[in-house]
Amino acid sequence: MGSLVISCLALLFTVVSFWWMQWRPGNLVIADLQHFAAGRGWVGGSDEPNGWFVGLPLIMLNTGASPLVLESLRLTPAKGNPASQLIFNGVDTMLWSADPDEKSEHDFTYLPRIIKPNGALAANVQFLWTPSELKYEARRYHFFLEAKISGARDWQKVKDIELNFSGASESTLPLLDEGYRMFRYDG
């Protein structure tokens, strides 16, 4: 009888450890931000700048033993109309430079992306914010960074983000042709 119990426990240990090392699903974890960037730009055929772009240098970690498929990202206001999210617009190849002659490549097709088991992904993610959805004011904005992961129907909240635009009037945000304005992240 004792050998049967030991055999069953050994089998259980083998199955659980194999699951832990090979199939355990993970969570998407976003590392803390140090800064963010913002600028004005054109959306559609407007003659005047009518869109705002927010750039976040994100480090995304998969804590599991199986791959994660990161399908999409968005920023949703913590208060107010949930339909007024900042939508994923693309990824810039470099962090925004103060040198106007240095051009950044913009990848609109960056997502979906696979994050390997226990792996990380670093990207300068740009979000688009159109004023018809959310009016810009020089103040603090509280957002939830949300992700669609591995075929899930619902968006998953992965990080609370507070962006401080206090003291940054509409006219102090540069046009995208002139570069971005960098902000220290103090959220």
C-alpha atoms as a PDB file:
ATOM      1  CA  MET A   1       0.000   0.000   0.000  1.00  0.00           C
ATOM      2  CA  GLY A   2       2.833   2.401   0.877  1.00  0.00           C
ATOM      3  CA  SER A   3       4.511   1.886  -2.496  1.00  0.00           C
ATOM      4  CA  LEU A   4       1.232   2.698  -4.281  1.00  0.00           C
ATOM      5  CA  VAL A   5       0.946   6.024  -2.415  1.00  0.00           C
ATOM      6  CA  ILE A   6       4.567   6.897  -3.218  1.00  0.00           C
ATOM      7  CA  SER A   7       4.061   6.001  -6.893  1.00  0.00           C
ATOM      8  CA  CYS A   8       0.913   8.149  -7.120  1.00  0.00           C
ATOM      9  CA  LEU A   9       2.654  11.090  -5.436  1.00  0.00           C
ATOM     10  CA  ALA A  10       5.621  10.749  -7.806  1.00  0.00           C
ATOM     11  CA  LEU A  11       3.280  10.728 -10.808  1.00  0.00           C
ATOM     12  CA  LEU A  12       1.396  13.765  -9.469  1.00  0.00           C
ATOM     13  CA  PHE A  13       4.686  15.616  -8.876  1.00  0.00           C
ATOM     14  CA  THR A  14       5.847  14.800 -12.419  1.00  0.00           C
ATOM     15  CA  VAL A  15       2.615  15.998 -14.041  1.00  0.00           C
ATOM     16  CA  VAL A  16       2.440  19.209 -11.975  1.00  0.00           C
ATOM     17  CA  SER A  17       6.101  20.096 -12.533  1.00  0.00           C
ATOM     18  CA  PHE A  18       5.797  19.418 -16.270  1.00  0.00           C
ATOM     19  CA  TRP A  19       2.711  21.676 -16.413  1.00  0.00           C
ATOM     20  CA  TRP A  20       4.560  24.376 -14.424  1.00  0.00           C
ATOM     21  CA  MET A  21       7.592  24.329 -16.716  1.00  0.00           C
ATOM     22  CA  GLN A  22       5.801  23.940 -20.069  1.00  0.00           C
ATOM     23  CA  TRP A  23       2.149  25.023 -20.056  1.00  0.00           C
ATOM     24  CA  ARG A  24       1.610  27.455 -17.183  1.00  0.00           C
ATOM     25  CA  PRO A  25      -0.164  30.539 -18.556  1.00  0.00           C
ATOM     26  CA  GLY A  26       1.345  33.858 -17.627  1.00  0.00           C
ATOM     27  CA  ASN A  27       0.291  37.429 -17.146  1.00  0.00           C
ATOM     28  CA  LEU A  28       1.327  40.472 -19.113  1.00  0.00           C
ATOM     29  CA  VAL A  29       3.274  42.757 -16.783  1.00  0.00           C
ATOM     30  CA  ILE A  30       4.255  46.302 -17.772  1.00  0.00           C
ATOM     31  CA  ALA A  31       7.420  47.725 -16.193  1.00  0.00           C
ATOM     32  CA  ASP A  32       7.297  51.141 -14.527  1.00  0.00           C
ATOM     33  CA  LEU A  33       7.521  54.173 -16.785  1.00  0.00           C
ATOM     34  CA  GLN A  34      10.230  56.815 -16.431  1.00  0.00           C
ATOM     35  CA  HIS A  35       8.895  59.301 -18.977  1.00  0.00           C
ATOM     36  CA  PHE A  36       6.465  59.722 -21.842  1.00  0.00           C
ATOM     37  CA  ALA A  37       6.233  61.909 -24.921  1.00  0.00           C
ATOM     38  CA  ALA A  38       3.439  63.867 -26.558  1.00  0.00           C
ATOM     39  CA  GLY A  39       2.884  65.906 -29.702  1.00  0.00           C
ATOM     40  CA  ARG A  40       0.214  67.284 -32.016  1.00  0.00           C
ATOM     41  CA  GLY A  41      -0.517  66.035 -35.497  1.00  0.00           C
ATOM     42  CA  TRP A  42      -3.013  65.634 -38.291  1.00  0.00           C
ATOM     43  CA  VAL A  43      -5.701  62.989 -38.434  1.00  0.00           C
ATOM     44  CA  GLY A  44      -7.583  62.621 -41.701  1.00  0.00           C
ATOM     45  CA  GLY A  45      -7.599  65.481 -44.193  1.00  0.00           C
ATOM     46  CA  SER A  46      -7.674  68.392 -41.746  1.00  0.00           C
ATOM     47  CA  ASP A  47      -5.727  71.594 -42.461  1.00  0.00           C
ATOM     48  CA  GLU A  48      -5.154  72.230 -38.746  1.00  0.00           C
ATOM     49  CA  PRO A  49      -3.550  69.834 -36.252  1.00  0.00           C
ATOM     50  CA  ASN A  50      -6.520  67.932 -34.878  1.00  0.00           C
ATOM     51  CA  GLY A  51      -4.957  64.944 -33.134  1.00  0.00           C
ATOM     52  CA  TRP A  52      -2.732  64.292 -30.159  1.00  0.00           C
ATOM     53  CA  PHE A  53      -0.158  61.561 -29.970  1.00  0.00           C
ATOM     54  CA  VAL A  54       1.083  60.077 -26.704  1.00  0.00           C
ATOM     55  CA  GLY A  55       4.194  57.905 -26.740  1.00  0.00           C
ATOM     56  CA  LEU A  56       4.985  55.430 -23.983  1.00  0.00           C
ATOM     57  CA  PRO A  57       8.260  53.483 -23.862  1.00  0.00           C
ATOM     58  CA  LEU A  58       6.879  50.151 -22.656  1.00  0.00           C
ATOM     59  CA  ILE A  59       8.657  47.045 -21.448  1.00  0.00           C
ATOM     60  CA  MET A  60       6.171  44.170 -21.573  1.00  0.00           C
ATOM     61  CA  LEU A  61       6.929  40.950 -19.693  1.00  0.00           C
ATOM     62  CA  ASN A  62       5.354  37.500 -20.014  1.00  0.00           C
ATOM     63  CA  THR A  63       5.470  35.785 -16.605  1.00  0.00           C
ATOM     64  CA  GLY A  64       4.303  32.388 -17.866  1.00  0.00           C
ATOM     65  CA  ALA A  65       5.801  29.247 -19.346  1.00  0.00           C
ATOM     66  CA  SER A  66       3.715  29.473 -22.515  1.00  0.00           C
ATOM     67  CA  PRO A  67       3.823  32.234 -25.145  1.00  0.00           C
ATOM     68  CA  LEU A  68       1.460  35.211 -25.001  1.00  0.00           C
ATOM     69  CA  VAL A  69      -0.020  36.765 -28.113  1.00  0.00           C
ATOM     70  CA  LEU A  70      -0.336  40.525 -27.623  1.00  0.00           C
ATOM     71  CA  GLU A  71      -3.084  41.456 -30.076  1.00  0.00           C
ATOM     72  CA  SER A  72      -3.669  45.137 -29.307  1.00  0.00           C
ATOM     73  CA  LEU A  73      -3.214  47.934 -26.767  1.00  0.00           C
ATOM     74  CA  ARG A  74      -5.255  50.989 -25.812  1.00  0.00           C
ATOM     75  CA  LEU A  75      -5.434  53.679 -23.143  1.00  0.00           C
ATOM     76  CA  THR A  76      -8.886  54.102 -21.589  1.00  0.00           C
ATOM     77  CA  PRO A  77      -9.757  57.087 -19.368  1.00  0.00           C
ATOM     78  CA  ALA A  78     -10.333  56.037 -15.765  1.00  0.00           C
ATOM     79  CA  LYS A  79     -13.239  58.494 -15.547  1.00  0.00           C
ATOM     80  CA  GLY A  80     -15.584  59.624 -18.246  1.00  0.00           C
ATOM     81  CA  ASN A  81     -16.661  58.051 -21.481  1.00  0.00           C
ATOM     82  CA  PRO A  82     -14.982  54.656 -22.035  1.00  0.00           C
ATOM     83  CA  ALA A  83     -15.529  55.135 -25.779  1.00  0.00           C
ATOM     84  CA  SER A  84     -12.972  57.966 -25.738  1.00  0.00           C
ATOM     85  CA  GLN A  85      -9.906  55.740 -25.564  1.00  0.00           C
ATOM     86  CA  LEU A  86      -6.536  56.505 -27.076  1.00  0.00           C
ATOM     87  CA  ILE A  87      -6.092  53.856 -29.724  1.00  0.00           C
ATOM     88  CA  PHE A  88      -2.871  52.073 -30.669  1.00  0.00           C
ATOM     89  CA  ASN A  89      -1.307  53.904 -33.601  1.00  0.00           C
ATOM     90  CA  GLY A  90       2.032  52.176 -34.078  1.00  0.00           C
ATOM     91  CA  VAL A  91       5.554  51.814 -32.755  1.00  0.00           C
ATOM     92  CA  ASP A  92       8.494  54.133 -33.322  1.00  0.00           C
ATOM     93  CA  THR A  93      11.905  52.530 -33.816  1.00  0.00           C
ATOM     94  CA  MET A  94      13.650  54.956 -31.476  1.00  0.00           C
ATOM     95  CA  LEU A  95      12.663  56.991 -28.499  1.00  0.00           C
ATOM     96  CA  TRP A  96      11.732  60.468 -29.557  1.00  0.00           C
ATOM     97  CA  SER A  97      14.789  62.538 -30.332  1.00  0.00           C
ATOM     98  CA  ALA A  98      15.390  66.238 -29.775  1.00  0.00           C
ATOM     99  CA  ASP A  99      17.325  66.277 -33.051  1.00  0.00           C
ATOM    100  CA  PRO A 100      14.876  67.333 -35.799  1.00  0.00           C
ATOM    101  CA  ASP A 101      17.137  65.872 -38.516  1.00  0.00           C
ATOM    102  CA  GLU A 102      16.999  62.392 -37.001  1.00  0.00           C
ATOM    103  CA  LYS A 103      14.039  60.531 -38.485  1.00  0.00           C
ATOM    104  CA  SER A 104      12.239  57.677 -36.787  1.00  0.00           C
ATOM    105  CA  GLU A 105      10.689  54.785 -38.652  1.00  0.00           C
ATOM    106  CA  HIS A 106       7.055  54.209 -37.716  1.00  0.00           C
ATOM    107  CA  ASP A 107       5.642  50.673 -37.757  1.00  0.00           C
ATOM    108  CA  PHE A 108       1.841  50.653 -38.015  1.00  0.00           C
ATOM    109  CA  THR A 109       1.756  46.839 -38.268  1.00  0.00           C
ATOM    110  CA  TYR A 110       3.697  46.078 -35.067  1.00  0.00           C
ATOM    111  CA  LEU A 111       0.810  44.234 -33.405  1.00  0.00           C
ATOM    112  CA  PRO A 112      -0.066  41.403 -33.014  1.00  0.00           C
ATOM    113  CA  ARG A 113       3.191  40.242 -31.472  1.00  0.00           C
ATOM    114  CA  ILE A 114       4.236  37.062 -29.659  1.00  0.00           C
ATOM    115  CA  ILE A 115       6.004  37.379 -26.311  1.00  0.00           C
ATOM    116  CA  LYS A 116       8.052  34.243 -25.635  1.00  0.00           C
ATOM    117  CA  PRO A 117       7.741  32.324 -22.354  1.00  0.00           C
ATOM    118  CA  ASN A 118       9.331  34.313 -19.523  1.00  0.00           C
ATOM    119  CA  GLY A 119      10.321  36.825 -22.209  1.00  0.00           C
ATOM    120  CA  ALA A 120      10.199  40.577 -22.600  1.00  0.00           C
ATOM    121  CA  LEU A 121       9.368  42.997 -25.377  1.00  0.00           C
ATOM    122  CA  ALA A 122      10.440  46.653 -25.468  1.00  0.00           C
ATOM    123  CA  ALA A 123       8.670  49.130 -27.728  1.00  0.00           C
ATOM    124  CA  ASN A 124       8.032  52.858 -28.023  1.00  0.00           C
ATOM    125  CA  VAL A 125       4.263  52.602 -28.374  1.00  0.00           C
ATOM    126  CA  GLN A 126       2.326  55.520 -29.819  1.00  0.00           C
ATOM    127  CA  PHE A 127      -1.347  56.146 -29.069  1.00  0.00           C
ATOM    128  CA  LEU A 128      -3.663  58.428 -31.043  1.00  0.00           C
ATOM    129  CA  TRP A 129      -6.094  60.751 -29.315  1.00  0.00           C
ATOM    130  CA  THR A 130      -8.616  62.686 -31.393  1.00  0.00           C
ATOM    131  CA  PRO A 131     -10.130  65.815 -29.853  1.00  0.00           C
ATOM    132  CA  SER A 132     -13.662  64.884 -30.877  1.00  0.00           C
ATOM    133  CA  GLU A 133     -13.405  62.060 -28.360  1.00  0.00           C
ATOM    134  CA  LEU A 134     -11.528  63.793 -25.536  1.00  0.00           C
ATOM    135  CA  LYS A 135     -10.805  67.527 -25.228  1.00  0.00           C
ATOM    136  CA  TYR A 136      -7.215  68.394 -24.307  1.00  0.00           C
ATOM    137  CA  GLU A 137      -6.636  70.371 -21.107  1.00  0.00           C
ATOM    138  CA  ALA A 138      -3.373  71.101 -19.279  1.00  0.00           C
ATOM    139  CA  ARG A 139      -3.931  68.761 -16.310  1.00  0.00           C
ATOM    140  CA  ARG A 140      -3.329  65.232 -15.045  1.00  0.00           C
ATOM    141  CA  TYR A 141      -4.999  62.392 -16.935  1.00  0.00           C
ATOM    142  CA  HIS A 142      -5.582  58.987 -15.374  1.00  0.00           C
ATOM    143  CA  PHE A 143      -5.720  56.100 -17.856  1.00  0.00           C
ATOM    144  CA  PHE A 144      -5.850  52.333 -17.760  1.00  0.00           C
ATOM    145  CA  LEU A 145      -3.478  50.611 -20.179  1.00  0.00           C
ATOM    146  CA  GLU A 146      -5.511  47.719 -21.551  1.00  0.00           C
ATOM    147  CA  ALA A 147      -4.454  44.795 -23.718  1.00  0.00           C
ATOM    148  CA  LYS A 148      -6.127  42.117 -25.791  1.00  0.00           C
ATOM    149  CA  ILE A 149      -4.185  38.944 -25.131  1.00  0.00           C
ATOM    150  CA  SER A 150      -4.149  35.468 -26.716  1.00  0.00           C
ATOM    151  CA  GLY A 151      -7.546  35.475 -28.393  1.00  0.00           C
ATOM    152  CA  ALA A 152      -9.538  36.787 -25.426  1.00  0.00           C
ATOM    153  CA  ARG A 153     -12.730  38.657 -26.291  1.00  0.00           C
ATOM    154  CA  ASP A 154     -12.414  41.148 -23.442  1.00  0.00           C
ATOM    155  CA  TRP A 155      -9.778  43.792 -22.841  1.00  0.00           C
ATOM    156  CA  GLN A 156      -7.567  43.145 -19.810  1.00  0.00           C
ATOM    157  CA  LYS A 157      -6.421  46.048 -17.627  1.00  0.00           C
ATOM    158  CA  VAL A 158      -2.630  45.702 -17.266  1.00  0.00           C
ATOM    159  CA  LYS A 159      -1.511  49.019 -15.720  1.00  0.00           C
ATOM    160  CA  ASP A 160      -2.780  52.272 -14.228  1.00  0.00           C
ATOM    161  CA  ILE A 161      -1.069  55.219 -15.882  1.00  0.00           C
ATOM    162  CA  GLU A 162      -1.266  58.851 -14.846  1.00  0.00           C
ATOM    163  CA  LEU A 163       0.074  61.365 -17.365  1.00  0.00           C
ATOM    164  CA  ASN A 164       0.857  64.838 -16.049  1.00  0.00           C
ATOM    165  CA  PHE A 165       0.204  67.531 -18.646  1.00  0.00           C
ATOM    166  CA  SER A 166      -0.026  70.290 -16.004  1.00  0.00           C
ATOM    167  CA  GLY A 167       1.682  73.399 -17.324  1.00  0.00           C
ATOM    168  CA  ALA A 168       1.630  72.087 -20.907  1.00  0.00           C
ATOM    169  CA  SER A 169      -0.809  74.221 -22.841  1.00  0.00           C
ATOM    170  CA  GLU A 170      -1.985  73.171 -26.270  1.00  0.00           C
ATOM    171  CA  SER A 171       0.448  75.571 -27.935  1.00  0.00           C
ATOM    172  CA  THR A 172       3.485  74.167 -26.072  1.00  0.00           C
ATOM    173  CA  LEU A 173       3.017  70.684 -27.528  1.00  0.00           C
ATOM    174  CA  PRO A 174       5.077  70.553 -30.733  1.00  0.00           C
ATOM    175  CA  LEU A 175       3.799  69.415 -34.092  1.00  0.00           C
ATOM    176  CA  LEU A 176       4.937  65.917 -35.028  1.00  0.00           C
ATOM    177  CA  ASP A 177       7.063  67.374 -37.825  1.00  0.00           C
ATOM    178  CA  GLU A 178       8.972  69.291 -35.139  1.00  0.00           C
ATOM    179  CA  GLY A 179       9.343  66.388 -32.713  1.00  0.00           C
ATOM    180  CA  TYR A 180       7.767  65.404 -29.428  1.00  0.00           C
ATOM    181  CA  ARG A 181       7.838  67.051 -26.033  1.00  0.00           C
ATOM    182  CA  MET A 182       9.231  64.779 -23.341  1.00  0.00           C
ATOM    183  CA  PHE A 183       7.607  64.626 -19.910  1.00  0.00           C
ATOM    184  CA  ARG A 184       8.938  63.047 -16.731  1.00  0.00           C
ATOM    185  CA  TYR A 185       6.598  60.316 -15.539  1.00  0.00           C
ATOM    186  CA  ASP A 186       5.618  60.924 -11.920  1.00  0.00           C
ATOM    187  CA  GLY A 187       2.489  58.757 -11.689  1.00  0.00           C
END
